[in-house]
């Protein structure tokens, strides 16, 4: 009988912990949802986090491996942000795989859908920067390296990756940014005009 009481109380405590975790996760998600319309403020916060991290690296003169790993991860996020969700290079059968980018001027308009949406890009960048900042407080992660080699390797990797991405954009004729694209508006008579 005592065993039944112990298992009942442990189930209740697990239930309480589960409820607390659910409430915390819902509150956290609610806060994230409130930040969605504030694009500029979110990115300013993310850039400030990166600046704080870089200041910590420069002032402590260490944790270059952590900074390099963070830079590589941010580069990977940026490439996913620039890449279309349905890659035309891999899209052999458009009916099965979904929409493809228009290749000629007379084809219907299909909007650019990113592989990594802007919010997820910002969120992943901010979270990983916070994790990297926390990692700078652990001496075991301060591996001694010759940092100029890491900087040169990162610059080389960035240039090669961006060249390949730009060539992909040119080959499949897409532009992942809306700045500079023509905007259309209908007038009172219903005619479409270029703005």
C-alpha atoms as a PDB file:
ATOM      1  CA  UNK A   1       0.000   0.000   0.000  1.00  0.00           C
ATOM      2  CA  UNK A   2       2.896   2.365   0.707  1.00  0.00           C
ATOM      3  CA  UNK A   3       4.242   1.651  -2.778  1.00  0.00           C
ATOM      4  CA  UNK A   4       0.957   2.826  -4.312  1.00  0.00           C
ATOM      5  CA  UNK A   5       1.089   6.090  -2.353  1.00  0.00           C
ATOM      6  CA  UNK A   6       4.683   6.741  -3.474  1.00  0.00           C
ATOM      7  CA  UNK A   7       3.890   6.127  -7.142  1.00  0.00           C
ATOM      8  CA  UNK A   8       0.781   8.346  -6.909  1.00  0.00           C
ATOM      9  CA  UNK A   9       2.730  11.239  -5.411  1.00  0.00           C
ATOM     10  CA  UNK A  10       5.532  10.851  -7.973  1.00  0.00           C
ATOM     11  CA  UNK A  11       2.929  10.969 -10.794  1.00  0.00           C
ATOM     12  CA  UNK A  12       1.461  14.142  -9.284  1.00  0.00           C
ATOM     13  CA  UNK A  13       4.897  15.763  -9.005  1.00  0.00           C
ATOM     14  CA  UNK A  14       5.682  14.804 -12.616  1.00  0.00           C
ATOM     15  CA  UNK A  15       2.331  16.256 -13.625  1.00  0.00           C
ATOM     16  CA  UNK A  16       3.128  19.525 -11.790  1.00  0.00           C
ATOM     17  CA  UNK A  17       6.560  19.712 -13.438  1.00  0.00           C
ATOM     18  CA  UNK A  18       4.946  19.053 -16.816  1.00  0.00           C
ATOM     19  CA  UNK A  19       2.401  21.812 -16.218  1.00  0.00           C
ATOM     20  CA  UNK A  20       5.112  24.283 -15.183  1.00  0.00           C
ATOM     21  CA  UNK A  21       7.188  23.395 -18.251  1.00  0.00           C
ATOM     22  CA  UNK A  22       4.131  23.802 -20.498  1.00  0.00           C
ATOM     23  CA  UNK A  23       3.312  27.211 -18.993  1.00  0.00           C
ATOM     24  CA  UNK A  24       6.910  28.399 -19.363  1.00  0.00           C
ATOM     25  CA  UNK A  25       7.138  27.225 -22.958  1.00  0.00           C
ATOM     26  CA  UNK A  26       3.797  28.873 -23.806  1.00  0.00           C
ATOM     27  CA  UNK A  27       4.929  32.145 -22.201  1.00  0.00           C
ATOM     28  CA  UNK A  28       8.219  31.995 -24.091  1.00  0.00           C
ATOM     29  CA  UNK A  29       6.420  31.299 -27.371  1.00  0.00           C
ATOM     30  CA  UNK A  30       4.020  34.157 -26.655  1.00  0.00           C
ATOM     31  CA  UNK A  31       6.963  36.541 -26.190  1.00  0.00           C
ATOM     32  CA  UNK A  32       8.497  35.315 -29.444  1.00  0.00           C
ATOM     33  CA  UNK A  33       5.195  35.769 -31.270  1.00  0.00           C
ATOM     34  CA  UNK A  34       4.991  39.371 -30.071  1.00  0.00           C
ATOM     35  CA  UNK A  35       8.396  40.127 -31.641  1.00  0.00           C
ATOM     36  CA  UNK A  36       7.381  39.014 -35.153  1.00  0.00           C
ATOM     37  CA  UNK A  37       6.232  42.447 -36.433  1.00  0.00           C
ATOM     38  CA  UNK A  38       9.271  44.265 -34.990  1.00  0.00           C
ATOM     39  CA  UNK A  39      11.784  43.274 -37.687  1.00  0.00           C
ATOM     40  CA  UNK A  40      14.195  46.202 -37.260  1.00  0.00           C
ATOM     41  CA  UNK A  41      14.172  45.985 -33.466  1.00  0.00           C
ATOM     42  CA  UNK A  42      14.797  42.233 -33.577  1.00  0.00           C
ATOM     43  CA  UNK A  43      17.743  42.621 -35.938  1.00  0.00           C
ATOM     44  CA  UNK A  44      19.194  45.472 -33.888  1.00  0.00           C
ATOM     45  CA  UNK A  45      19.033  43.208 -30.850  1.00  0.00           C
ATOM     46  CA  UNK A  46      20.691  40.370 -32.792  1.00  0.00           C
ATOM     47  CA  UNK A  47      23.454  42.644 -34.076  1.00  0.00           C
ATOM     48  CA  UNK A  48      24.034  43.997 -30.555  1.00  0.00           C
ATOM     49  CA  UNK A  49      24.410  40.411 -29.324  1.00  0.00           C
ATOM     50  CA  UNK A  50      27.027  39.722 -31.995  1.00  0.00           C
ATOM     51  CA  UNK A  51      28.860  42.954 -31.096  1.00  0.00           C
ATOM     52  CA  UNK A  52      28.870  41.993 -27.399  1.00  0.00           C
ATOM     53  CA  UNK A  53      30.218  38.566 -28.332  1.00  0.00           C
ATOM     54  CA  UNK A  54      32.949  40.047 -30.549  1.00  0.00           C
ATOM     55  CA  UNK A  55      33.865  42.552 -27.832  1.00  0.00           C
ATOM     56  CA  UNK A  56      34.201  39.677 -25.357  1.00  0.00           C
ATOM     57  CA  UNK A  57      36.455  37.790 -27.792  1.00  0.00           C
ATOM     58  CA  UNK A  58      38.638  40.830 -28.466  1.00  0.00           C
ATOM     59  CA  UNK A  59      38.922  41.891 -24.822  1.00  0.00           C
ATOM     60  CA  UNK A  60      39.748  38.428 -23.492  1.00  0.00           C
ATOM     61  CA  UNK A  61      42.028  37.536 -26.440  1.00  0.00           C
ATOM     62  CA  UNK A  62      40.744  33.969 -26.528  1.00  0.00           C
ATOM     63  CA  UNK A  63      37.992  31.579 -27.562  1.00  0.00           C
ATOM     64  CA  UNK A  64      38.835  31.964 -31.243  1.00  0.00           C
ATOM     65  CA  UNK A  65      37.582  28.455 -32.000  1.00  0.00           C
ATOM     66  CA  UNK A  66      34.189  29.375 -30.539  1.00  0.00           C
ATOM     67  CA  UNK A  67      34.113  32.546 -32.673  1.00  0.00           C
ATOM     68  CA  UNK A  68      35.120  30.571 -35.767  1.00  0.00           C
ATOM     69  CA  UNK A  69      32.425  27.937 -35.172  1.00  0.00           C
ATOM     70  CA  UNK A  70      29.837  30.678 -34.649  1.00  0.00           C
ATOM     71  CA  UNK A  71      30.934  32.415 -37.857  1.00  0.00           C
ATOM     72  CA  UNK A  72      30.647  29.189 -39.861  1.00  0.00           C
ATOM     73  CA  UNK A  73      27.191  28.522 -38.427  1.00  0.00           C
ATOM     74  CA  UNK A  74      26.031  32.076 -39.209  1.00  0.00           C
ATOM     75  CA  UNK A  75      27.375  31.696 -42.760  1.00  0.00           C
ATOM     76  CA  UNK A  76      25.386  28.475 -43.121  1.00  0.00           C
ATOM     77  CA  UNK A  77      22.241  30.248 -41.886  1.00  0.00           C
ATOM     78  CA  UNK A  78      22.810  33.131 -44.306  1.00  0.00           C
ATOM     79  CA  UNK A  79      23.201  30.771 -47.276  1.00  0.00           C
ATOM     80  CA  UNK A  80      19.976  28.994 -46.301  1.00  0.00           C
ATOM     81  CA  UNK A  81      18.301  32.413 -46.052  1.00  0.00           C
ATOM     82  CA  UNK A  82      19.389  33.274 -49.621  1.00  0.00           C
ATOM     83  CA  UNK A  83      18.417  29.912 -51.123  1.00  0.00           C
ATOM     84  CA  UNK A  84      14.909  29.175 -52.444  1.00  0.00           C
ATOM     85  CA  UNK A  85      12.901  26.509 -50.640  1.00  0.00           C
ATOM     86  CA  UNK A  86      12.477  24.505 -53.826  1.00  0.00           C
ATOM     87  CA  UNK A  87      15.939  24.504 -55.366  1.00  0.00           C
ATOM     88  CA  UNK A  88      15.568  24.696 -59.163  1.00  0.00           C
ATOM     89  CA  UNK A  89      18.850  22.817 -59.607  1.00  0.00           C
ATOM     90  CA  UNK A  90      17.320  19.792 -57.888  1.00  0.00           C
ATOM     91  CA  UNK A  91      13.759  20.240 -59.191  1.00  0.00           C
ATOM     92  CA  UNK A  92      13.481  17.670 -61.994  1.00  0.00           C
ATOM     93  CA  UNK A  93       9.702  17.261 -61.897  1.00  0.00           C
ATOM     94  CA  UNK A  94       7.825  20.416 -60.838  1.00  0.00           C
ATOM     95  CA  UNK A  95       4.484  18.638 -60.517  1.00  0.00           C
ATOM     96  CA  UNK A  96       5.799  16.296 -57.842  1.00  0.00           C
ATOM     97  CA  UNK A  97       8.142  18.622 -55.954  1.00  0.00           C
ATOM     98  CA  UNK A  98       6.062  21.804 -55.922  1.00  0.00           C
ATOM     99  CA  UNK A  99       6.531  25.241 -57.462  1.00  0.00           C
ATOM    100  CA  UNK A 100       9.602  26.237 -59.417  1.00  0.00           C
ATOM    101  CA  UNK A 101      11.010  29.645 -60.244  1.00  0.00           C
ATOM    102  CA  UNK A 102       9.870  31.211 -63.548  1.00  0.00           C
ATOM    103  CA  UNK A 103      12.520  30.938 -66.266  1.00  0.00           C
ATOM    104  CA  UNK A 104      10.938  33.156 -68.954  1.00  0.00           C
ATOM    105  CA  UNK A 105       9.202  36.526 -68.896  1.00  0.00           C
ATOM    106  CA  UNK A 106       5.894  35.094 -70.133  1.00  0.00           C
ATOM    107  CA  UNK A 107       5.546  32.583 -67.289  1.00  0.00           C
ATOM    108  CA  UNK A 108       3.280  33.277 -64.345  1.00  0.00           C
ATOM    109  CA  UNK A 109       4.699  35.007 -61.279  1.00  0.00           C
ATOM    110  CA  UNK A 110       5.774  32.768 -58.428  1.00  0.00           C
ATOM    111  CA  UNK A 111       6.991  34.461 -55.250  1.00  0.00           C
ATOM    112  CA  UNK A 112      10.393  33.736 -53.783  1.00  0.00           C
ATOM    113  CA  UNK A 113      10.015  31.371 -50.830  1.00  0.00           C
ATOM    114  CA  UNK A 114      13.120  31.052 -48.683  1.00  0.00           C
ATOM    115  CA  UNK A 115      14.532  27.792 -47.396  1.00  0.00           C
ATOM    116  CA  UNK A 116      15.072  29.544 -44.037  1.00  0.00           C
ATOM    117  CA  UNK A 117      12.497  32.255 -43.230  1.00  0.00           C
ATOM    118  CA  UNK A 118      13.690  35.605 -41.867  1.00  0.00           C
ATOM    119  CA  UNK A 119      12.302  35.030 -38.355  1.00  0.00           C
ATOM    120  CA  UNK A 120      13.953  31.629 -38.013  1.00  0.00           C
ATOM    121  CA  UNK A 121      17.189  33.119 -39.343  1.00  0.00           C
ATOM    122  CA  UNK A 122      17.103  35.841 -36.687  1.00  0.00           C
ATOM    123  CA  UNK A 123      16.077  33.440 -33.929  1.00  0.00           C
ATOM    124  CA  UNK A 124      18.784  30.875 -34.735  1.00  0.00           C
ATOM    125  CA  UNK A 125      21.406  33.606 -35.016  1.00  0.00           C
ATOM    126  CA  UNK A 126      20.416  35.127 -31.650  1.00  0.00           C
ATOM    127  CA  UNK A 127      20.236  31.810 -29.800  1.00  0.00           C
ATOM    128  CA  UNK A 128      23.579  30.567 -31.122  1.00  0.00           C
ATOM    129  CA  UNK A 129      25.238  33.886 -30.314  1.00  0.00           C
ATOM    130  CA  UNK A 130      23.959  33.617 -26.721  1.00  0.00           C
ATOM    131  CA  UNK A 131      25.252  30.046 -26.509  1.00  0.00           C
ATOM    132  CA  UNK A 132      28.643  31.121 -27.892  1.00  0.00           C
ATOM    133  CA  UNK A 133      28.747  33.982 -25.388  1.00  0.00           C
ATOM    134  CA  UNK A 134      28.090  31.527 -22.558  1.00  0.00           C
ATOM    135  CA  UNK A 135      30.830  29.252 -23.949  1.00  0.00           C
ATOM    136  CA  UNK A 136      33.364  32.073 -23.491  1.00  0.00           C
ATOM    137  CA  UNK A 137      33.011  31.698 -19.720  1.00  0.00           C
ATOM    138  CA  UNK A 138      34.451  28.155 -19.761  1.00  0.00           C
ATOM    139  CA  UNK A 139      38.240  27.898 -19.897  1.00  0.00           C
ATOM    140  CA  UNK A 140      38.120  24.364 -21.273  1.00  0.00           C
ATOM    141  CA  UNK A 141      36.735  25.800 -24.545  1.00  0.00           C
ATOM    142  CA  UNK A 142      39.589  28.293 -24.878  1.00  0.00           C
ATOM    143  CA  UNK A 143      41.720  26.166 -27.202  1.00  0.00           C
ATOM    144  CA  UNK A 144      44.966  27.920 -28.174  1.00  0.00           C
ATOM    145  CA  UNK A 145      45.087  28.469 -31.948  1.00  0.00           C
ATOM    146  CA  UNK A 146      46.819  30.829 -34.343  1.00  0.00           C
ATOM    147  CA  UNK A 147      43.809  33.027 -35.041  1.00  0.00           C
ATOM    148  CA  UNK A 148      44.995  34.710 -38.299  1.00  0.00           C
ATOM    149  CA  UNK A 149      44.785  31.341 -40.053  1.00  0.00           C
ATOM    150  CA  UNK A 150      41.179  30.948 -38.888  1.00  0.00           C
ATOM    151  CA  UNK A 151      40.344  34.447 -40.137  1.00  0.00           C
ATOM    152  CA  UNK A 152      41.915  33.786 -43.549  1.00  0.00           C
ATOM    153  CA  UNK A 153      40.189  30.413 -43.821  1.00  0.00           C
ATOM    154  CA  UNK A 154      36.824  31.992 -42.920  1.00  0.00           C
ATOM    155  CA  UNK A 155      37.278  34.794 -45.484  1.00  0.00           C
ATOM    156  CA  UNK A 156      38.213  32.242 -48.166  1.00  0.00           C
ATOM    157  CA  UNK A 157      35.244  30.043 -47.283  1.00  0.00           C
ATOM    158  CA  UNK A 158      32.912  33.061 -47.303  1.00  0.00           C
ATOM    159  CA  UNK A 159      34.127  34.221 -50.738  1.00  0.00           C
ATOM    160  CA  UNK A 160      33.874  30.768 -52.307  1.00  0.00           C
ATOM    161  CA  UNK A 161      30.425  30.118 -50.833  1.00  0.00           C
ATOM    162  CA  UNK A 162      29.048  33.515 -51.842  1.00  0.00           C
ATOM    163  CA  UNK A 163      30.468  33.177 -55.363  1.00  0.00           C
ATOM    164  CA  UNK A 164      28.701  29.840 -55.733  1.00  0.00           C
ATOM    165  CA  UNK A 165      25.457  31.308 -54.350  1.00  0.00           C
ATOM    166  CA  UNK A 166      25.607  34.332 -56.674  1.00  0.00           C
ATOM    167  CA  UNK A 167      26.274  32.071 -59.665  1.00  0.00           C
ATOM    168  CA  UNK A 168      23.220  30.017 -58.614  1.00  0.00           C
ATOM    169  CA  UNK A 169      21.126  33.218 -58.472  1.00  0.00           C
ATOM    170  CA  UNK A 170      22.302  34.275 -61.925  1.00  0.00           C
ATOM    171  CA  UNK A 171      21.777  30.838 -63.468  1.00  0.00           C
ATOM    172  CA  UNK A 172      18.214  30.447 -62.178  1.00  0.00           C
ATOM    173  CA  UNK A 173      17.355  34.182 -62.356  1.00  0.00           C
ATOM    174  CA  UNK A 174      16.090  34.895 -58.877  1.00  0.00           C
ATOM    175  CA  UNK A 175      16.690  37.703 -56.425  1.00  0.00           C
ATOM    176  CA  UNK A 176      16.122  36.874 -52.747  1.00  0.00           C
ATOM    177  CA  UNK A 177      15.596  40.503 -51.678  1.00  0.00           C
ATOM    178  CA  UNK A 178      12.563  42.698 -52.322  1.00  0.00           C
ATOM    179  CA  UNK A 179      14.538  45.960 -52.287  1.00  0.00           C
ATOM    180  CA  UNK A 180      14.873  47.268 -55.827  1.00  0.00           C
ATOM    181  CA  UNK A 181      12.173  45.059 -57.334  1.00  0.00           C
ATOM    182  CA  UNK A 182       9.366  46.818 -59.255  1.00  0.00           C
ATOM    183  CA  UNK A 183       6.192  47.445 -57.257  1.00  0.00           C
ATOM    184  CA  UNK A 184       2.796  47.527 -58.920  1.00  0.00           C
ATOM    185  CA  UNK A 185      -0.374  49.261 -57.831  1.00  0.00           C
ATOM    186  CA  UNK A 186      -3.829  49.514 -59.353  1.00  0.00           C
ATOM    187  CA  UNK A 187      -5.289  52.956 -60.009  1.00  0.00           C
ATOM    188  CA  UNK A 188      -8.930  54.063 -59.785  1.00  0.00           C
ATOM    189  CA  UNK A 189      -9.764  52.646 -63.225  1.00  0.00           C
ATOM    190  CA  UNK A 190      -8.350  49.216 -62.333  1.00  0.00           C
ATOM    191  CA  UNK A 191      -5.227  49.494 -64.473  1.00  0.00           C
ATOM    192  CA  UNK A 192      -1.958  48.172 -63.085  1.00  0.00           C
ATOM    193  CA  UNK A 193       0.772  50.791 -62.874  1.00  0.00           C
ATOM    194  CA  UNK A 194       4.445  50.491 -62.074  1.00  0.00           C
ATOM    195  CA  UNK A 195       5.451  52.604 -59.060  1.00  0.00           C
END
